[in-house]
């Protein structure tokens, strides 16, 4: 059986709070994906929820493993850098591609005019 290192109760409370906050934020982003109507509205909610949720979970991991002294926190820093950089870029690319697609598809109004 693997023994967990002992950490102070303050570290445990901070870690648990950040984990719950990250999970709740990600859940709200996922609910926004399901509940919102158009693609453009749906795109923002999960992006913000994912970025902030991952940041909270990574921060909780950094605090816990720093207090436990079991390993360096390089993994979490890399995760934060990559998620913070790639999530907004992916959102921009998806929205631009959708705009281009929407502009190229003829609508009923343009078909009636022709």
Foldseek 3Di string as FASTA:
>chain_A
DDDDFDFDVVLVVLLVVLQVVLVVLQVQLVVQLVPDDDPLSNLPSNLVSNLSSLLSNLVSVQSRCVRSVPDHSPVSVVVNVVSVPPSVVVSVVVVVVVVVVVVPDDDPVVVVVD
